[in-house]
């Protein structure tokens, strides 16, 4: 999901959170399992979030199975855009009348449903594919759709089966995990058609494997 115009993290951690309200900082801290003090200000929350982020990176590097993620959440980084005119401001994600403000360039913890909203944010550009010629005075142009806010998922913890927040009718968390598994194979966030095609091929391969196992 990267290109040469994107940088994964902000070195200080504070710049990435510079436009985040203290209410959102409290929200991030709670989801990250940080025990905040009543007299904490913005600087205290930023320092604690940065420290927790570094601790999570160390835990992953050590290959530990321990996780501080709450059920139904993901740990991810939204890449910063290094283009000179990019403000890299936090991204407002709306779902069912609720807003989640996601900063860029630092690991944050986010409910899975909002990760799906982030993944569905797309931008379409018109790209000149071939130059004008005698046979094609206008040349050939194509539309190219890319993710508006490329990101990297570091860790996922699905909803608990008995969670009071889990609805059997709400498949957004499950659909996100399906798309995540497909992305790991095809190397990009899949469209609905690509996801269904990948799952069809996966079922066919499992049927072939089961048939061969029976013959052996």
C-alpha atoms as a PDB file:
ATOM      1  CA  UNK A   1       0.000   0.000   0.000  1.00  0.00           C
ATOM      2  CA  UNK A   2       3.000   2.312  -0.093  1.00  0.00           C
ATOM      3  CA  UNK A   3       4.470   4.537  -2.727  1.00  0.00           C
ATOM      4  CA  UNK A   4       7.243   7.130  -2.803  1.00  0.00           C
ATOM      5  CA  UNK A   5       4.856   9.893  -1.735  1.00  0.00           C
ATOM      6  CA  UNK A   6       3.973   8.186   1.536  1.00  0.00           C
ATOM      7  CA  UNK A   7       5.784   7.900   4.840  1.00  0.00           C
ATOM      8  CA  UNK A   8       4.649   5.435   7.451  1.00  0.00           C
ATOM      9  CA  UNK A   9       5.311   7.208  10.718  1.00  0.00           C
ATOM     10  CA  UNK A  10       6.041  10.543  12.241  1.00  0.00           C
ATOM     11  CA  UNK A  11       9.356  10.375  14.114  1.00  0.00           C
ATOM     12  CA  UNK A  12       8.246  12.414  17.116  1.00  0.00           C
ATOM     13  CA  UNK A  13       4.735  11.056  17.429  1.00  0.00           C
ATOM     14  CA  UNK A  14       3.554  14.458  18.640  1.00  0.00           C
ATOM     15  CA  UNK A  15       3.137  16.060  15.205  1.00  0.00           C
ATOM     16  CA  UNK A  16       0.811  13.239  14.172  1.00  0.00           C
ATOM     17  CA  UNK A  17      -1.464  14.112  17.095  1.00  0.00           C
ATOM     18  CA  UNK A  18      -1.130  17.894  16.875  1.00  0.00           C
ATOM     19  CA  UNK A  19      -4.669  18.480  15.585  1.00  0.00           C
ATOM     20  CA  UNK A  20      -6.395  15.868  17.751  1.00  0.00           C
ATOM     21  CA  UNK A  21      -8.711  17.081  20.500  1.00  0.00           C
ATOM     22  CA  UNK A  22      -8.128  16.037  24.083  1.00  0.00           C
ATOM     23  CA  UNK A  23     -11.464  14.194  23.979  1.00  0.00           C
ATOM     24  CA  UNK A  24     -10.171  12.020  21.131  1.00  0.00           C
ATOM     25  CA  UNK A  25      -6.823  11.568  22.895  1.00  0.00           C
ATOM     26  CA  UNK A  26      -8.728  10.214  25.905  1.00  0.00           C
ATOM     27  CA  UNK A  27     -10.596   7.861  23.565  1.00  0.00           C
ATOM     28  CA  UNK A  28      -7.372   6.560  21.975  1.00  0.00           C
ATOM     29  CA  UNK A  29      -5.748   6.115  25.383  1.00  0.00           C
ATOM     30  CA  UNK A  30      -8.692   4.094  26.670  1.00  0.00           C
ATOM     31  CA  UNK A  31      -8.727   1.806  23.616  1.00  0.00           C
ATOM     32  CA  UNK A  32      -4.966   1.293  23.960  1.00  0.00           C
ATOM     33  CA  UNK A  33      -5.343   0.226  27.586  1.00  0.00           C
ATOM     34  CA  UNK A  34      -3.650   3.315  29.017  1.00  0.00           C
ATOM     35  CA  UNK A  35      -4.583   4.279  32.584  1.00  0.00           C
ATOM     36  CA  UNK A  36      -4.859   8.062  32.436  1.00  0.00           C
ATOM     37  CA  UNK A  37      -4.698  10.413  35.414  1.00  0.00           C
ATOM     38  CA  UNK A  38      -7.400  13.003  36.019  1.00  0.00           C
ATOM     39  CA  UNK A  39      -4.984  15.921  35.727  1.00  0.00           C
ATOM     40  CA  UNK A  40      -3.476  14.809  32.404  1.00  0.00           C
ATOM     41  CA  UNK A  41      -3.204  17.386  29.656  1.00  0.00           C
ATOM     42  CA  UNK A  42      -2.577  17.004  25.935  1.00  0.00           C
ATOM     43  CA  UNK A  43       1.187  16.501  26.349  1.00  0.00           C
ATOM     44  CA  UNK A  44       0.644  13.728  28.901  1.00  0.00           C
ATOM     45  CA  UNK A  45      -1.727  11.826  26.606  1.00  0.00           C
ATOM     46  CA  UNK A  46       0.580  12.216  23.604  1.00  0.00           C
ATOM     47  CA  UNK A  47       3.570  10.929  25.595  1.00  0.00           C
ATOM     48  CA  UNK A  48       1.589   7.956  26.931  1.00  0.00           C
ATOM     49  CA  UNK A  49       0.224   7.041  23.494  1.00  0.00           C
ATOM     50  CA  UNK A  50       3.706   7.235  21.984  1.00  0.00           C
ATOM     51  CA  UNK A  51       5.135   5.034  24.758  1.00  0.00           C
ATOM     52  CA  UNK A  52       2.342   2.471  24.307  1.00  0.00           C
ATOM     53  CA  UNK A  53       2.944   2.456  20.541  1.00  0.00           C
ATOM     54  CA  UNK A  54       6.649   1.725  21.003  1.00  0.00           C
ATOM     55  CA  UNK A  55       5.820  -1.028  23.518  1.00  0.00           C
ATOM     56  CA  UNK A  56       3.426  -2.654  21.016  1.00  0.00           C
ATOM     57  CA  UNK A  57       6.122  -2.550  18.306  1.00  0.00           C
ATOM     58  CA  UNK A  58       8.595  -4.239  20.660  1.00  0.00           C
ATOM     59  CA  UNK A  59       6.051  -6.923  21.564  1.00  0.00           C
ATOM     60  CA  UNK A  60       5.465  -7.730  17.888  1.00  0.00           C
ATOM     61  CA  UNK A  61       9.200  -7.759  17.156  1.00  0.00           C
ATOM     62  CA  UNK A  62       9.711 -10.272  19.963  1.00  0.00           C
ATOM     63  CA  UNK A  63       7.017 -12.522  18.488  1.00  0.00           C
ATOM     64  CA  UNK A  64       4.914 -12.430  21.644  1.00  0.00           C
ATOM     65  CA  UNK A  65       1.330 -13.701  21.511  1.00  0.00           C
ATOM     66  CA  UNK A  66       0.253 -11.253  24.191  1.00  0.00           C
ATOM     67  CA  UNK A  67      -2.082  -8.526  22.987  1.00  0.00           C
ATOM     68  CA  UNK A  68      -3.492  -5.430  24.655  1.00  0.00           C
ATOM     69  CA  UNK A  69      -6.093  -4.924  21.923  1.00  0.00           C
ATOM     70  CA  UNK A  70      -9.723  -4.942  23.052  1.00  0.00           C
ATOM     71  CA  UNK A  71     -12.052  -7.301  21.136  1.00  0.00           C
ATOM     72  CA  UNK A  72     -13.333  -5.919  17.848  1.00  0.00           C
ATOM     73  CA  UNK A  73     -10.375  -3.594  17.282  1.00  0.00           C
ATOM     74  CA  UNK A  74      -7.302  -3.282  15.060  1.00  0.00           C
ATOM     75  CA  UNK A  75      -3.939  -1.626  15.538  1.00  0.00           C
ATOM     76  CA  UNK A  76      -2.899   0.261  12.403  1.00  0.00           C
ATOM     77  CA  UNK A  77      -0.962   3.154  10.908  1.00  0.00           C
ATOM     78  CA  UNK A  78      -2.408   5.505   8.300  1.00  0.00           C
ATOM     79  CA  UNK A  79       0.459   6.631   6.077  1.00  0.00           C
ATOM     80  CA  UNK A  80       1.380  10.298   5.876  1.00  0.00           C
ATOM     81  CA  UNK A  81       1.500  11.979   2.475  1.00  0.00           C
ATOM     82  CA  UNK A  82       4.905  13.605   1.931  1.00  0.00           C
ATOM     83  CA  UNK A  83       3.685  15.838  -0.912  1.00  0.00           C
ATOM     84  CA  UNK A  84       4.675  19.481  -0.124  1.00  0.00           C
ATOM     85  CA  UNK A  85       1.074  20.733  -0.171  1.00  0.00           C
ATOM     86  CA  UNK A  86      -0.308  17.949   2.043  1.00  0.00           C
ATOM     87  CA  UNK A  87      -1.515  19.034   5.485  1.00  0.00           C
ATOM     88  CA  UNK A  88      -1.679  15.451   6.789  1.00  0.00           C
ATOM     89  CA  UNK A  89      -4.563  16.423   9.028  1.00  0.00           C
ATOM     90  CA  UNK A  90      -6.491  13.785  10.926  1.00  0.00           C
ATOM     91  CA  UNK A  91      -9.169  11.909   8.990  1.00  0.00           C
ATOM     92  CA  UNK A  92     -12.821  12.027  10.141  1.00  0.00           C
ATOM     93  CA  UNK A  93     -14.541   8.658   9.631  1.00  0.00           C
ATOM     94  CA  UNK A  94     -18.311   8.578   9.991  1.00  0.00           C
ATOM     95  CA  UNK A  95     -20.421   5.495  10.683  1.00  0.00           C
ATOM     96  CA  UNK A  96     -24.074   5.334  11.777  1.00  0.00           C
ATOM     97  CA  UNK A  97     -24.003   8.932  12.955  1.00  0.00           C
ATOM     98  CA  UNK A  98     -20.796   8.516  14.964  1.00  0.00           C
ATOM     99  CA  UNK A  99     -17.426  10.035  14.151  1.00  0.00           C
ATOM    100  CA  UNK A 100     -13.966   8.566  14.698  1.00  0.00           C
ATOM    101  CA  UNK A 101     -11.050  10.949  14.102  1.00  0.00           C
ATOM    102  CA  UNK A 102      -7.971   9.073  12.886  1.00  0.00           C
ATOM    103  CA  UNK A 103      -4.528  10.750  12.958  1.00  0.00           C
ATOM    104  CA  UNK A 104      -1.886   9.824  10.393  1.00  0.00           C
ATOM    105  CA  UNK A 105       1.676   8.665  10.890  1.00  0.00           C
ATOM    106  CA  UNK A 106       1.344   6.981  14.280  1.00  0.00           C
ATOM    107  CA  UNK A 107      -0.044   3.627  15.371  1.00  0.00           C
ATOM    108  CA  UNK A 108      -3.546   3.880  16.754  1.00  0.00           C
ATOM    109  CA  UNK A 109      -6.216   1.462  17.896  1.00  0.00           C
ATOM    110  CA  UNK A 110      -9.472   1.625  15.954  1.00  0.00           C
ATOM    111  CA  UNK A 111     -12.766  -0.333  15.997  1.00  0.00           C
ATOM    112  CA  UNK A 112     -12.894  -2.781  13.083  1.00  0.00           C
ATOM    113  CA  UNK A 113     -16.016  -1.144  11.680  1.00  0.00           C
ATOM    114  CA  UNK A 114     -14.137   2.116  11.137  1.00  0.00           C
ATOM    115  CA  UNK A 115     -11.233   0.268   9.503  1.00  0.00           C
ATOM    116  CA  UNK A 116     -13.748  -0.917   6.917  1.00  0.00           C
ATOM    117  CA  UNK A 117     -14.903   2.697   6.403  1.00  0.00           C
ATOM    118  CA  UNK A 118     -11.272   3.749   5.948  1.00  0.00           C
ATOM    119  CA  UNK A 119     -10.668   0.946   3.427  1.00  0.00           C
ATOM    120  CA  UNK A 120     -13.747   1.953   1.434  1.00  0.00           C
ATOM    121  CA  UNK A 121     -12.544   5.557   1.032  1.00  0.00           C
ATOM    122  CA  UNK A 122     -11.457   5.727  -2.625  1.00  0.00           C
ATOM    123  CA  UNK A 123     -10.415   8.461  -5.043  1.00  0.00           C
ATOM    124  CA  UNK A 124     -10.741   8.282  -8.825  1.00  0.00           C
ATOM    125  CA  UNK A 125      -8.267   9.987 -11.138  1.00  0.00           C
ATOM    126  CA  UNK A 126      -8.201  10.400 -14.909  1.00  0.00           C
ATOM    127  CA  UNK A 127      -4.871   9.195 -16.291  1.00  0.00           C
ATOM    128  CA  UNK A 128      -3.465   9.700 -19.792  1.00  0.00           C
ATOM    129  CA  UNK A 129      -2.590   6.193 -20.982  1.00  0.00           C
ATOM    130  CA  UNK A 130      -1.440   6.999 -24.535  1.00  0.00           C
ATOM    131  CA  UNK A 131      -0.525  10.248 -26.242  1.00  0.00           C
ATOM    132  CA  UNK A 132      -2.538  11.795 -29.055  1.00  0.00           C
ATOM    133  CA  UNK A 133      -1.872  10.387 -32.491  1.00  0.00           C
ATOM    134  CA  UNK A 134      -3.248  10.546 -36.040  1.00  0.00           C
ATOM    135  CA  UNK A 135      -5.542   7.599 -35.297  1.00  0.00           C
ATOM    136  CA  UNK A 136      -6.467   8.876 -31.848  1.00  0.00           C
ATOM    137  CA  UNK A 137      -6.513  12.700 -31.698  1.00  0.00           C
ATOM    138  CA  UNK A 138      -7.352  12.730 -27.978  1.00  0.00           C
ATOM    139  CA  UNK A 139      -5.135   9.825 -27.042  1.00  0.00           C
ATOM    140  CA  UNK A 140      -6.434   7.267 -24.576  1.00  0.00           C
ATOM    141  CA  UNK A 141      -7.425   8.165 -21.034  1.00  0.00           C
ATOM    142  CA  UNK A 142      -8.391   5.750 -18.281  1.00  0.00           C
ATOM    143  CA  UNK A 143      -9.852   6.141 -14.828  1.00  0.00           C
ATOM    144  CA  UNK A 144      -7.722   4.863 -11.970  1.00  0.00           C
ATOM    145  CA  UNK A 145      -9.183   4.248  -8.512  1.00  0.00           C
ATOM    146  CA  UNK A 146      -6.869   4.235  -5.497  1.00  0.00           C
ATOM    147  CA  UNK A 147      -7.298   4.320  -1.739  1.00  0.00           C
ATOM    148  CA  UNK A 148      -7.692   7.853  -0.439  1.00  0.00           C
ATOM    149  CA  UNK A 149      -5.802   7.067   2.772  1.00  0.00           C
ATOM    150  CA  UNK A 150      -3.414   4.089   2.408  1.00  0.00           C
ATOM    151  CA  UNK A 151      -2.765   2.284   5.672  1.00  0.00           C
ATOM    152  CA  UNK A 152      -1.096  -0.743   7.211  1.00  0.00           C
ATOM    153  CA  UNK A 153      -2.762  -3.072   9.704  1.00  0.00           C
ATOM    154  CA  UNK A 154      -0.381  -4.349  12.386  1.00  0.00           C
ATOM    155  CA  UNK A 155      -2.726  -6.401  14.540  1.00  0.00           C
ATOM    156  CA  UNK A 156      -6.396  -7.464  14.546  1.00  0.00           C
ATOM    157  CA  UNK A 157      -8.574  -8.878  17.314  1.00  0.00           C
ATOM    158  CA  UNK A 158     -12.085  -9.934  16.198  1.00  0.00           C
ATOM    159  CA  UNK A 159     -15.206  -9.378  18.283  1.00  0.00           C
ATOM    160  CA  UNK A 160     -15.820 -11.915  21.039  1.00  0.00           C
ATOM    161  CA  UNK A 161     -18.682 -14.244  20.149  1.00  0.00           C
ATOM    162  CA  UNK A 162     -20.607 -13.292  23.268  1.00  0.00           C
ATOM    163  CA  UNK A 163     -19.923  -9.571  23.010  1.00  0.00           C
ATOM    164  CA  UNK A 164     -23.001  -7.427  23.625  1.00  0.00           C
ATOM    165  CA  UNK A 165     -21.793  -5.201  20.801  1.00  0.00           C
ATOM    166  CA  UNK A 166     -21.742  -8.051  18.303  1.00  0.00           C
ATOM    167  CA  UNK A 167     -24.808  -8.328  16.091  1.00  0.00           C
ATOM    168  CA  UNK A 168     -25.481 -11.456  14.047  1.00  0.00           C
ATOM    169  CA  UNK A 169     -26.981  -9.162  11.399  1.00  0.00           C
ATOM    170  CA  UNK A 170     -23.949  -6.855  11.278  1.00  0.00           C
ATOM    171  CA  UNK A 171     -21.280  -8.518   9.167  1.00  0.00           C
ATOM    172  CA  UNK A 172     -18.951  -5.535   8.806  1.00  0.00           C
ATOM    173  CA  UNK A 173     -16.296  -6.999  11.108  1.00  0.00           C
ATOM    174  CA  UNK A 174     -16.430 -10.381   9.355  1.00  0.00           C
ATOM    175  CA  UNK A 175     -16.353  -8.756   5.923  1.00  0.00           C
ATOM    176  CA  UNK A 176     -13.316  -6.740   6.933  1.00  0.00           C
ATOM    177  CA  UNK A 177     -11.464  -9.911   7.958  1.00  0.00           C
ATOM    178  CA  UNK A 178     -12.401 -11.571   4.631  1.00  0.00           C
ATOM    179  CA  UNK A 179     -10.968  -8.636   2.712  1.00  0.00           C
ATOM    180  CA  UNK A 180      -7.877  -8.569   4.922  1.00  0.00           C
ATOM    181  CA  UNK A 181      -7.156 -12.252   4.188  1.00  0.00           C
ATOM    182  CA  UNK A 182      -7.608 -11.658   0.461  1.00  0.00           C
ATOM    183  CA  UNK A 183      -5.322  -8.617   0.546  1.00  0.00           C
ATOM    184  CA  UNK A 184      -2.530 -10.700   2.056  1.00  0.00           C
ATOM    185  CA  UNK A 185      -2.671 -12.961  -1.024  1.00  0.00           C
ATOM    186  CA  UNK A 186      -3.275 -10.555  -3.913  1.00  0.00           C
ATOM    187  CA  UNK A 187      -1.232  -7.662  -2.518  1.00  0.00           C
ATOM    188  CA  UNK A 188      -3.911  -4.951  -2.515  1.00  0.00           C
ATOM    189  CA  UNK A 189      -7.251  -4.154  -0.914  1.00  0.00           C
ATOM    190  CA  UNK A 190      -9.737  -6.162  -3.034  1.00  0.00           C
ATOM    191  CA  UNK A 191     -12.838  -4.925  -4.759  1.00  0.00           C
ATOM    192  CA  UNK A 192     -16.015  -6.908  -4.121  1.00  0.00           C
ATOM    193  CA  UNK A 193     -15.529  -8.767  -7.427  1.00  0.00           C
ATOM    194  CA  UNK A 194     -11.907  -9.616  -6.622  1.00  0.00           C
ATOM    195  CA  UNK A 195     -12.895 -10.825  -3.159  1.00  0.00           C
ATOM    196  CA  UNK A 196     -15.636 -13.130  -4.488  1.00  0.00           C
ATOM    197  CA  UNK A 197     -13.350 -14.490  -7.221  1.00  0.00           C
ATOM    198  CA  UNK A 198     -10.573 -15.186  -4.698  1.00  0.00           C
ATOM    199  CA  UNK A 199     -13.005 -16.971  -2.369  1.00  0.00           C
ATOM    200  CA  UNK A 200     -14.388 -19.020  -5.278  1.00  0.00           C
ATOM    201  CA  UNK A 201     -10.879 -20.143  -6.253  1.00  0.00           C
ATOM    202  CA  UNK A 202     -10.126 -20.911  -2.596  1.00  0.00           C
ATOM    203  CA  UNK A 203     -13.202 -23.151  -2.332  1.00  0.00           C
ATOM    204  CA  UNK A 204     -12.255 -24.935  -5.560  1.00  0.00           C
ATOM    205  CA  UNK A 205      -8.718 -25.540  -4.284  1.00  0.00           C
ATOM    206  CA  UNK A 206     -10.043 -26.939  -0.998  1.00  0.00           C
ATOM    207  CA  UNK A 207     -12.354 -29.285  -2.932  1.00  0.00           C
ATOM    208  CA  UNK A 208      -9.424 -30.512  -5.052  1.00  0.00           C
ATOM    209  CA  UNK A 209      -7.265 -31.023  -1.965  1.00  0.00           C
ATOM    210  CA  UNK A 210     -10.045 -32.972  -0.230  1.00  0.00           C
ATOM    211  CA  UNK A 211     -10.513 -35.170  -3.326  1.00  0.00           C
ATOM    212  CA  UNK A 212      -6.790 -35.944  -3.559  1.00  0.00           C
ATOM    213  CA  UNK A 213      -6.668 -36.714   0.159  1.00  0.00           C
ATOM    214  CA  UNK A 214      -9.481 -39.267  -0.234  1.00  0.00           C
ATOM    215  CA  UNK A 215      -7.698 -40.970  -3.149  1.00  0.00           C
ATOM    216  CA  UNK A 216      -4.523 -41.274  -1.136  1.00  0.00           C
END
